[in-house]
Structures are given as structure tokens and as C-alpha cells.
Amino acid sequence: MAIVHIPPQMQELTGGAAEVEAEGGNLRQLVAHLEAAFPGFRDRLTRGDSVAPGLAVSIDNVVTSRGLLAEVETDSVVHIIPAISGGS
């Protein structure tokens, strides 16, 4: 199963876990698996058929531009990255 790193802002959905395992051949399937295990996860991570604004997803250290169609391997490491705000 892929390892998914959960940002602090979403850890209330995972019972405080910063890292969970999930399966799926692409990001859409992985999100469906996470939703089944942690209800409400899909609503926080997606908007329709896209990754929610203000979030990015890195799969194996590459930020994907394929959205929910991005491929996920069984040994992938997935990071959900919230937007960083600030600056001048």
C-alpha cells in the first residue's frame, strides 16, 4: 500500500495520524480508499474531479499536474501539501 503523509490541518480526519496507508492505482482510487477509512477526507482534498484549490499532491517527490488521474504505485509515498501563504 502507498504511504500517505497527512498535513496537520487534516489530521483530525485520521484520528491524529500523520501517516496512513492507502491503496489505489491512481489518486482518485487512493482518495476513495481514504474516504472509506476516514469519512470527510474526499471533501477536504478534492473539488469535483480536481485537487482542491490551495492543495497540491506530491507522489514519489514529484508534484503532480495530472490531478486525480496521477498514477500511484503500491510502494509510492504521497504527500498532501497545503498552500503556503505569506510574503509581501
PDB file of N, CA and C in Angstrom:
ATOM      1  N   MET A   1       0.839  -1.191   0.000  1.00  0.00           N
ATOM      2  CA  MET A   1       0.000   0.000   0.000  1.00  0.00           C
ATOM      3  C   MET A   1       0.875   1.244   0.000  1.00  0.00           C
ATOM      4  N   ALA A   2       0.346   2.296  -0.581  1.00  0.00           N
ATOM      5  CA  ALA A   2       1.059   3.566  -0.587  1.00  0.00           C
ATOM      6  C   ALA A   2       1.016   4.184   0.808  1.00  0.00           C
ATOM      7  N   ILE A   3       2.036   4.942   1.117  1.00  0.00           N
ATOM      8  CA  ILE A   3       2.071   5.689   2.376  1.00  0.00           C
ATOM      9  C   ILE A   3       1.662   7.122   2.058  1.00  0.00           C
ATOM     10  N   VAL A   4       0.691   7.624   2.805  1.00  0.00           N
ATOM     11  CA  VAL A   4       0.173   8.971   2.585  1.00  0.00           C
ATOM     12  C   VAL A   4       0.501   9.815   3.812  1.00  0.00           C
ATOM     13  N   HIS A   5       1.211  10.914   3.584  1.00  0.00           N
ATOM     14  CA  HIS A   5       1.545  11.855   4.662  1.00  0.00           C
ATOM     15  C   HIS A   5       0.436  12.900   4.733  1.00  0.00           C
ATOM     16  N   ILE A   6      -0.139  13.025   5.913  1.00  0.00           N
ATOM     17  CA  ILE A   6      -1.291  13.895   6.142  1.00  0.00           C
ATOM     18  C   ILE A   6      -0.817  15.188   6.798  1.00  0.00           C
ATOM     19  N   PRO A   7      -1.159  16.358   6.223  1.00  0.00           N
ATOM     20  CA  PRO A   7      -0.751  17.613   6.855  1.00  0.00           C
ATOM     21  C   PRO A   7      -1.492  17.825   8.177  1.00  0.00           C
ATOM     22  N   PRO A   8      -0.896  18.579   9.089  1.00  0.00           N
ATOM     23  CA  PRO A   8      -1.535  18.809  10.400  1.00  0.00           C
ATOM     24  C   PRO A   8      -2.984  19.292  10.294  1.00  0.00           C
ATOM     25  N   GLN A   9      -3.293  20.101   9.284  1.00  0.00           N
ATOM     26  CA  GLN A   9      -4.643  20.652   9.134  1.00  0.00           C
ATOM     27  C   GLN A   9      -5.689  19.584   8.834  1.00  0.00           C
ATOM     28  N   MET A  10      -5.269  18.386   8.426  1.00  0.00           N
ATOM     29  CA  MET A  10      -6.213  17.327   8.072  1.00  0.00           C
ATOM     30  C   MET A  10      -6.134  16.133   9.023  1.00  0.00           C
ATOM     31  N   GLN A  11      -5.266  16.191   9.997  1.00  0.00           N
ATOM     32  CA  GLN A  11      -5.057  15.040  10.868  1.00  0.00           C
ATOM     33  C   GLN A  11      -6.239  14.741  11.785  1.00  0.00           C
ATOM     34  N   GLU A  12      -7.161  15.683  11.968  1.00  0.00           N
ATOM     35  CA  GLU A  12      -8.342  15.363  12.768  1.00  0.00           C
ATOM     36  C   GLU A  12      -9.186  14.307  12.062  1.00  0.00           C
ATOM     37  N   LEU A  13      -9.068  14.209  10.741  1.00  0.00           N
ATOM     38  CA  LEU A  13      -9.798  13.193   9.986  1.00  0.00           C
ATOM     39  C   LEU A  13      -9.219  11.796  10.192  1.00  0.00           C
ATOM     40  N   THR A  14      -7.930  11.721  10.499  1.00  0.00           N
ATOM     41  CA  THR A  14      -7.247  10.430  10.641  1.00  0.00           C
ATOM     42  C   THR A  14      -6.999  10.068  12.097  1.00  0.00           C
ATOM     43  N   GLY A  15      -7.719  10.705  13.013  1.00  0.00           N
ATOM     44  CA  GLY A  15      -7.531  10.417  14.429  1.00  0.00           C
ATOM     45  C   GLY A  15      -6.183  10.860  14.943  1.00  0.00           C
ATOM     46  N   GLY A  16      -5.607  11.875  14.284  1.00  0.00           N
ATOM     47  CA  GLY A  16      -4.317  12.411  14.704  1.00  0.00           C
ATOM     48  C   GLY A  16      -3.126  11.789  14.005  1.00  0.00           C
ATOM     49  N   ALA A  17      -3.355  10.801  13.153  1.00  0.00           N
ATOM     50  CA  ALA A  17      -2.243  10.146  12.460  1.00  0.00           C
ATOM     51  C   ALA A  17      -1.660  11.067  11.392  1.00  0.00           C
ATOM     52  N   ALA A  18      -0.339  11.176  11.382  1.00  0.00           N
ATOM     53  CA  ALA A  18       0.358  11.987  10.390  1.00  0.00           C
ATOM     54  C   ALA A  18       0.678  11.185   9.136  1.00  0.00           C
ATOM     55  N   GLU A  19       0.514   9.878   9.218  1.00  0.00           N
ATOM     56  CA  GLU A  19       0.839   8.997   8.103  1.00  0.00           C
ATOM     57  C   GLU A  19      -0.136   7.824   8.120  1.00  0.00           C
ATOM     58  N   VAL A  20      -0.702   7.523   6.962  1.00  0.00           N
ATOM     59  CA  VAL A  20      -1.617   6.390   6.841  1.00  0.00           C
ATOM     60  C   VAL A  20      -1.269   5.609   5.585  1.00  0.00           C
ATOM     61  N   GLU A  21      -1.772   4.399   5.482  1.00  0.00           N
ATOM     62  CA  GLU A  21      -1.602   3.600   4.279  1.00  0.00           C
ATOM     63  C   GLU A  21      -2.912   3.574   3.511  1.00  0.00           C
ATOM     64  N   ALA A  22      -2.792   3.586   2.185  1.00  0.00           N
ATOM     65  CA  ALA A  22      -3.979   3.517   1.335  1.00  0.00           C
ATOM     66  C   ALA A  22      -3.595   2.837   0.029  1.00  0.00           C
ATOM     67  N   GLU A  23      -4.607   2.310  -0.649  1.00  0.00           N
ATOM     68  CA  GLU A  23      -4.320   1.658  -1.921  1.00  0.00           C
ATOM     69  C   GLU A  23      -5.128   2.282  -3.035  1.00  0.00           C
ATOM     70  N   GLY A  24      -4.608   2.122  -4.234  1.00  0.00           N
ATOM     71  CA  GLY A  24      -5.273   2.626  -5.426  1.00  0.00           C
ATOM     72  C   GLY A  24      -4.249   2.771  -6.540  1.00  0.00           C
ATOM     73  N   GLY A  25      -4.673   2.515  -7.763  1.00  0.00           N
ATOM     74  CA  GLY A  25      -3.778   2.632  -8.909  1.00  0.00           C
ATOM     75  C   GLY A  25      -3.589   4.054  -9.386  1.00  0.00           C
ATOM     76  N   ASN A  26      -4.503   4.938  -8.945  1.00  0.00           N
ATOM     77  CA  ASN A  26      -4.347   6.364  -9.252  1.00  0.00           C
ATOM     78  C   ASN A  26      -4.847   7.165  -8.049  1.00  0.00           C
ATOM     79  N   LEU A  27      -4.673   8.456  -8.114  1.00  0.00           N
ATOM     80  CA  LEU A  27      -5.019   9.300  -6.971  1.00  0.00           C
ATOM     81  C   LEU A  27      -6.511   9.249  -6.671  1.00  0.00           C
ATOM     82  N   ARG A  28      -7.354   9.140  -7.690  1.00  0.00           N
ATOM     83  CA  ARG A  28      -8.808   9.049  -7.466  1.00  0.00           C
ATOM     84  C   ARG A  28      -9.146   7.815  -6.625  1.00  0.00           C
ATOM     85  N   GLN A  29      -8.562   6.673  -6.963  1.00  0.00           N
ATOM     86  CA  GLN A  29      -8.808   5.439  -6.216  1.00  0.00           C
ATOM     87  C   GLN A  29      -8.243   5.530  -4.802  1.00  0.00           C
ATOM     88  N   LEU A  30      -7.091   6.155  -4.671  1.00  0.00           N
ATOM     89  CA  LEU A  30      -6.476   6.341  -3.355  1.00  0.00           C
ATOM     90  C   LEU A  30      -7.378   7.206  -2.470  1.00  0.00           C
ATOM     91  N   VAL A  31      -7.930   8.280  -3.036  1.00  0.00           N
ATOM     92  CA  VAL A  31      -8.834   9.154  -2.286  1.00  0.00           C
ATOM     93  C   VAL A  31     -10.094   8.383  -1.888  1.00  0.00           C
ATOM     94  N   ALA A  32     -10.610   7.526  -2.769  1.00  0.00           N
ATOM     95  CA  ALA A  32     -11.790   6.724  -2.438  1.00  0.00           C
ATOM     96  C   ALA A  32     -11.487   5.784  -1.266  1.00  0.00           C
ATOM     97  N   HIS A  33     -10.301   5.216  -1.252  1.00  0.00           N
ATOM     98  CA  HIS A  33      -9.898   4.336  -0.156  1.00  0.00           C
ATOM     99  C   HIS A  33      -9.787   5.139   1.142  1.00  0.00           C
ATOM    100  N   LEU A  34      -9.191   6.321   1.064  1.00  0.00           N
ATOM    101  CA  LEU A  34      -9.074   7.178   2.252  1.00  0.00           C
ATOM    102  C   LEU A  34     -10.446   7.622   2.749  1.00  0.00           C
ATOM    103  N   GLU A  35     -11.356   7.918   1.828  1.00  0.00           N
ATOM    104  CA  GLU A  35     -12.713   8.328   2.206  1.00  0.00           C
ATOM    105  C   GLU A  35     -13.433   7.203   2.944  1.00  0.00           C
ATOM    106  N   ALA A  36     -13.243   5.960   2.483  1.00  0.00           N
ATOM    107  CA  ALA A  36     -13.881   4.820   3.146  1.00  0.00           C
ATOM    108  C   ALA A  36     -13.340   4.636   4.568  1.00  0.00           C
ATOM    109  N   ALA A  37     -12.054   4.874   4.737  1.00  0.00           N
ATOM    110  CA  ALA A  37     -11.425   4.706   6.056  1.00  0.00           C
ATOM    111  C   ALA A  37     -11.626   5.928   6.951  1.00  0.00           C
ATOM    112  N   PHE A  38     -11.669   7.107   6.335  1.00  0.00           N
ATOM    113  CA  PHE A  38     -11.737   8.364   7.079  1.00  0.00           C
ATOM    114  C   PHE A  38     -12.786   9.272   6.434  1.00  0.00           C
ATOM    115  N   PRO A  39     -14.064   9.082   6.763  1.00  0.00           N
ATOM    116  CA  PRO A  39     -15.126   9.885   6.149  1.00  0.00           C
ATOM    117  C   PRO A  39     -14.853  11.384   6.259  1.00  0.00           C
ATOM    118  N   GLY A  40     -15.095  12.076   5.147  1.00  0.00           N
ATOM    119  CA  GLY A  40     -14.860  13.513   5.077  1.00  0.00           C
ATOM    120  C   GLY A  40     -13.560  13.853   4.372  1.00  0.00           C
ATOM    121  N   PHE A  41     -12.723  12.842   4.147  1.00  0.00           N
ATOM    122  CA  PHE A  41     -11.413  13.084   3.534  1.00  0.00           C
ATOM    123  C   PHE A  41     -11.558  13.611   2.114  1.00  0.00           C
ATOM    124  N   ARG A  42     -12.453  13.021   1.332  1.00  0.00           N
ATOM    125  CA  ARG A  42     -12.635  13.448  -0.065  1.00  0.00           C
ATOM    126  C   ARG A  42     -13.029  14.920  -0.140  1.00  0.00           C
ATOM    127  N   ASP A  43     -13.944  15.333   0.726  1.00  0.00           N
ATOM    128  CA  ASP A  43     -14.393  16.728   0.690  1.00  0.00           C
ATOM    129  C   ASP A  43     -13.272  17.716   0.994  1.00  0.00           C
ATOM    130  N   ARG A  44     -12.330  17.308   1.822  1.00  0.00           N
ATOM    131  CA  ARG A  44     -11.211  18.192   2.171  1.00  0.00           C
ATOM    132  C   ARG A  44     -10.129  18.220   1.096  1.00  0.00           C
ATOM    133  N   LEU A  45     -10.007  17.114   0.335  1.00  0.00           N
ATOM    134  CA  LEU A  45      -8.908  17.001  -0.615  1.00  0.00           C
ATOM    135  C   LEU A  45      -9.298  17.338  -2.047  1.00  0.00           C
ATOM    136  N   THR A  46     -10.576  17.215  -2.381  1.00  0.00           N
ATOM    137  CA  THR A  46     -10.975  17.416  -3.777  1.00  0.00           C
ATOM    138  C   THR A  46     -12.111  18.419  -3.916  1.00  0.00           C
ATOM    139  N   ARG A  47     -12.221  18.935  -5.119  1.00  0.00           N
ATOM    140  CA  ARG A  47     -13.363  19.738  -5.555  1.00  0.00           C
ATOM    141  C   ARG A  47     -13.757  19.182  -6.909  1.00  0.00           C
ATOM    142  N   GLY A  48     -14.863  18.455  -6.937  1.00  0.00           N
ATOM    143  CA  GLY A  48     -15.269  17.797  -8.178  1.00  0.00           C
ATOM    144  C   GLY A  48     -14.228  16.770  -8.583  1.00  0.00           C
ATOM    145  N   ASP A  49     -13.714  16.923  -9.782  1.00  0.00           N
ATOM    146  CA  ASP A  49     -12.724  15.988 -10.304  1.00  0.00           C
ATOM    147  C   ASP A  49     -11.297  16.517 -10.199  1.00  0.00           C
ATOM    148  N   SER A  50     -11.055  17.460  -9.308  1.00  0.00           N
ATOM    149  CA  SER A  50      -9.731  18.071  -9.184  1.00  0.00           C
ATOM    150  C   SER A  50      -9.279  18.093  -7.728  1.00  0.00           C
ATOM    151  N   VAL A  51      -7.991  18.257  -7.556  1.00  0.00           N
ATOM    152  CA  VAL A  51      -7.449  18.502  -6.220  1.00  0.00           C
ATOM    153  C   VAL A  51      -7.936  19.880  -5.798  1.00  0.00           C
ATOM    154  N   ALA A  52      -8.345  20.022  -4.561  1.00  0.00           N
ATOM    155  CA  ALA A  52      -8.913  21.284  -4.060  1.00  0.00           C
ATOM    156  C   ALA A  52      -7.921  22.428  -4.215  1.00  0.00           C
ATOM    157  N   PRO A  53      -8.439  23.627  -4.502  1.00  0.00           N
ATOM    158  CA  PRO A  53      -7.568  24.799  -4.548  1.00  0.00           C
ATOM    159  C   PRO A  53      -6.854  24.965  -3.205  1.00  0.00           C
ATOM    160  N   GLY A  54      -5.621  25.374  -3.269  1.00  0.00           N
ATOM    161  CA  GLY A  54      -4.854  25.564  -2.040  1.00  0.00           C
ATOM    162  C   GLY A  54      -4.128  24.307  -1.595  1.00  0.00           C
ATOM    163  N   LEU A  55      -4.287  23.208  -2.341  1.00  0.00           N
ATOM    164  CA  LEU A  55      -3.578  21.968  -2.028  1.00  0.00           C
ATOM    165  C   LEU A  55      -2.820  21.490  -3.256  1.00  0.00           C
ATOM    166  N   ALA A  56      -1.747  20.784  -3.006  1.00  0.00           N
ATOM    167  CA  ALA A  56      -1.009  20.096  -4.064  1.00  0.00           C
ATOM    168  C   ALA A  56      -0.740  18.684  -3.560  1.00  0.00           C
ATOM    169  N   VAL A  57      -0.473  17.785  -4.486  1.00  0.00           N
ATOM    170  CA  VAL A  57      -0.158  16.413  -4.125  1.00  0.00           C
ATOM    171  C   VAL A  57       1.164  16.032  -4.774  1.00  0.00           C
ATOM    172  N   SER A  58       2.047  15.514  -3.959  1.00  0.00           N
ATOM    173  CA  SER A  58       3.338  15.018  -4.425  1.00  0.00           C
ATOM    174  C   SER A  58       3.315  13.497  -4.338  1.00  0.00           C
ATOM    175  N   ILE A  59       3.677  12.855  -5.438  1.00  0.00           N
ATOM    176  CA  ILE A  59       3.770  11.393  -5.468  1.00  0.00           C
ATOM    177  C   ILE A  59       5.211  11.045  -5.783  1.00  0.00           C
ATOM    178  N   ASP A  60       5.846  10.369  -4.858  1.00  0.00           N
ATOM    179  CA  ASP A  60       7.259   9.997  -5.001  1.00  0.00           C
ATOM    180  C   ASP A  60       8.130  11.218  -5.297  1.00  0.00           C
ATOM    181  N   ASN A  61       7.903  12.277  -4.524  1.00  0.00           N
ATOM    182  CA  ASN A  61       8.677  13.524  -4.570  1.00  0.00           C
ATOM    183  C   ASN A  61       8.494  14.344  -5.842  1.00  0.00           C
ATOM    184  N   VAL A  62       7.409  14.098  -6.573  1.00  0.00           N
ATOM    185  CA  VAL A  62       7.097  14.887  -7.763  1.00  0.00           C
ATOM    186  C   VAL A  62       5.686  15.436  -7.602  1.00  0.00           C
ATOM    187  N   VAL A  63       5.561  16.763  -7.615  1.00  0.00           N
ATOM    188  CA  VAL A  63       4.230  17.374  -7.524  1.00  0.00           C
ATOM    189  C   VAL A  63       3.517  17.088  -8.841  1.00  0.00           C
ATOM    190  N   THR A  64       2.373  16.436  -8.743  1.00  0.00           N
ATOM    191  CA  THR A  64       1.662  16.015  -9.942  1.00  0.00           C
ATOM    192  C   THR A  64       0.815  17.128 -10.528  1.00  0.00           C
ATOM    193  N   SER A  65       0.779  17.164 -11.838  1.00  0.00           N
ATOM    194  CA  SER A  65      -0.111  18.088 -12.534  1.00  0.00           C
ATOM    195  C   SER A  65      -1.258  17.304 -13.177  1.00  0.00           C
ATOM    196  N   ARG A  66      -1.306  15.997 -12.935  1.00  0.00           N
ATOM    197  CA  ARG A  66      -2.336  15.130 -13.525  1.00  0.00           C
ATOM    198  C   ARG A  66      -3.574  15.039 -12.651  1.00  0.00           C
ATOM    199  N   GLY A  67      -3.573  15.705 -11.519  1.00  0.00           N
ATOM    200  CA  GLY A  67      -4.742  15.685 -10.649  1.00  0.00           C
ATOM    201  C   GLY A  67      -5.080  14.285 -10.189  1.00  0.00           C
ATOM    202  N   LEU A  68      -6.357  13.959 -10.199  1.00  0.00           N
ATOM    203  CA  LEU A  68      -6.819  12.677  -9.683  1.00  0.00           C
ATOM    204  C   LEU A  68      -6.472  11.505 -10.601  1.00  0.00           C
ATOM    205  N   LEU A  69      -5.973  11.790 -11.792  1.00  0.00           N
ATOM    206  CA  LEU A  69      -5.567  10.731 -12.714  1.00  0.00           C
ATOM    207  C   LEU A  69      -4.114  10.304 -12.505  1.00  0.00           C
ATOM    208  N   ALA A  70      -3.403  10.987 -11.627  1.00  0.00           N
ATOM    209  CA  ALA A  70      -1.997  10.667 -11.386  1.00  0.00           C
ATOM    210  C   ALA A  70      -1.855   9.234 -10.894  1.00  0.00           C
ATOM    211  N   GLU A  71      -0.899   8.525 -11.456  1.00  0.00           N
ATOM    212  CA  GLU A  71      -0.687   7.130 -11.085  1.00  0.00           C
ATOM    213  C   GLU A  71      -0.033   7.030  -9.712  1.00  0.00           C
ATOM    214  N   VAL A  72      -0.452   6.000  -8.981  1.00  0.00           N
ATOM    215  CA  VAL A  72       0.094   5.707  -7.662  1.00  0.00           C
ATOM    216  C   VAL A  72       0.523   4.243  -7.667  1.00  0.00           C
ATOM    217  N   GLU A  73       1.758   3.981  -7.306  1.00  0.00           N
ATOM    218  CA  GLU A  73       2.259   2.611  -7.226  1.00  0.00           C
ATOM    219  C   GLU A  73       2.014   2.069  -5.811  1.00  0.00           C
ATOM    220  N   THR A  74       2.107   0.769  -5.646  1.00  0.00           N
ATOM    221  CA  THR A  74       1.867   0.178  -4.333  1.00  0.00           C
ATOM    222  C   THR A  74       2.897   0.612  -3.303  1.00  0.00           C
ATOM    223  N   ASP A  75       4.083   1.020  -3.756  1.00  0.00           N
ATOM    224  CA  ASP A  75       5.125   1.464  -2.822  1.00  0.00           C
ATOM    225  C   ASP A  75       5.347   2.972  -2.868  1.00  0.00           C
ATOM    226  N   SER A  76       4.384   3.715  -3.440  1.00  0.00           N
ATOM    227  CA  SER A  76       4.524   5.171  -3.544  1.00  0.00           C
ATOM    228  C   SER A  76       4.438   5.841  -2.181  1.00  0.00           C
ATOM    229  N   VAL A  77       5.047   7.015  -2.119  1.00  0.00           N
ATOM    230  CA  VAL A  77       4.925   7.893  -0.961  1.00  0.00           C
ATOM    231  C   VAL A  77       4.211   9.151  -1.459  1.00  0.00           C
ATOM    232  N   VAL A  78       3.069   9.431  -0.847  1.00  0.00           N
ATOM    233  CA  VAL A  78       2.215  10.544  -1.266  1.00  0.00           C
ATOM    234  C   VAL A  78       2.205  11.590  -0.162  1.00  0.00           C
ATOM    235  N   HIS A  79       2.432  12.843  -0.549  1.00  0.00           N
ATOM    236  CA  HIS A  79       2.355  13.963   0.391  1.00  0.00           C
ATOM    237  C   HIS A  79       1.227  14.886  -0.053  1.00  0.00           C
ATOM    238  N   ILE A  80       0.379  15.242   0.885  1.00  0.00           N
ATOM    239  CA  ILE A  80      -0.636  16.270   0.640  1.00  0.00           C
ATOM    240  C   ILE A  80      -0.034  17.562   1.164  1.00  0.00           C
ATOM    241  N   ILE A  81       0.075  18.552   0.260  1.00  0.00           N
ATOM    242  CA  ILE A  81       0.804  19.776   0.593  1.00  0.00           C
ATOM    243  C   ILE A  81      -0.158  20.958   0.577  1.00  0.00           C
ATOM    244  N   PRO A  82      -0.393  21.571   1.751  1.00  0.00           N
ATOM    245  CA  PRO A  82      -1.228  22.779   1.764  1.00  0.00           C
ATOM    246  C   PRO A  82      -0.432  23.956   1.216  1.00  0.00           C
ATOM    247  N   ALA A  83      -1.154  24.886   0.620  1.00  0.00           N
ATOM    248  CA  ALA A  83      -0.519  26.090   0.084  1.00  0.00           C
ATOM    249  C   ALA A  83       0.144  26.868   1.206  1.00  0.00           C
ATOM    250  N   ILE A  84       1.250  27.454   0.887  1.00  0.00           N
ATOM    251  CA  ILE A  84       1.954  28.291   1.852  1.00  0.00           C
ATOM    252  C   ILE A  84       1.642  29.737   1.509  1.00  0.00           C
ATOM    253  N   SER A  85       1.116  30.454   2.480  1.00  0.00           N
ATOM    254  CA  SER A  85       0.783  31.860   2.228  1.00  0.00           C
ATOM    255  C   SER A  85       1.746  32.741   3.005  1.00  0.00           C
ATOM    256  N   GLY A  86       1.719  33.966   2.639  1.00  0.00           N
ATOM    257  CA  GLY A  86       2.595  34.924   3.331  1.00  0.00           C
ATOM    258  C   GLY A  86       3.412  35.693   2.330  1.00  0.00           C
ATOM    259  N   GLY A  87       4.418  36.345   2.815  1.00  0.00           N
ATOM    260  CA  GLY A  87       5.248  37.170   1.943  1.00  0.00           C
ATOM    261  C   GLY A  87       4.693  38.579   1.868  1.00  0.00           C
ATOM    262  N   SER A  88       5.258  39.355   0.997  1.00  0.00           N
ATOM    263  CA  SER A  88       4.787  40.734   0.876  1.00  0.00           C
ATOM    264  C   SER A  88       4.286  41.053  -0.482  1.00  0.00           C
TER     265      SER A  88
END
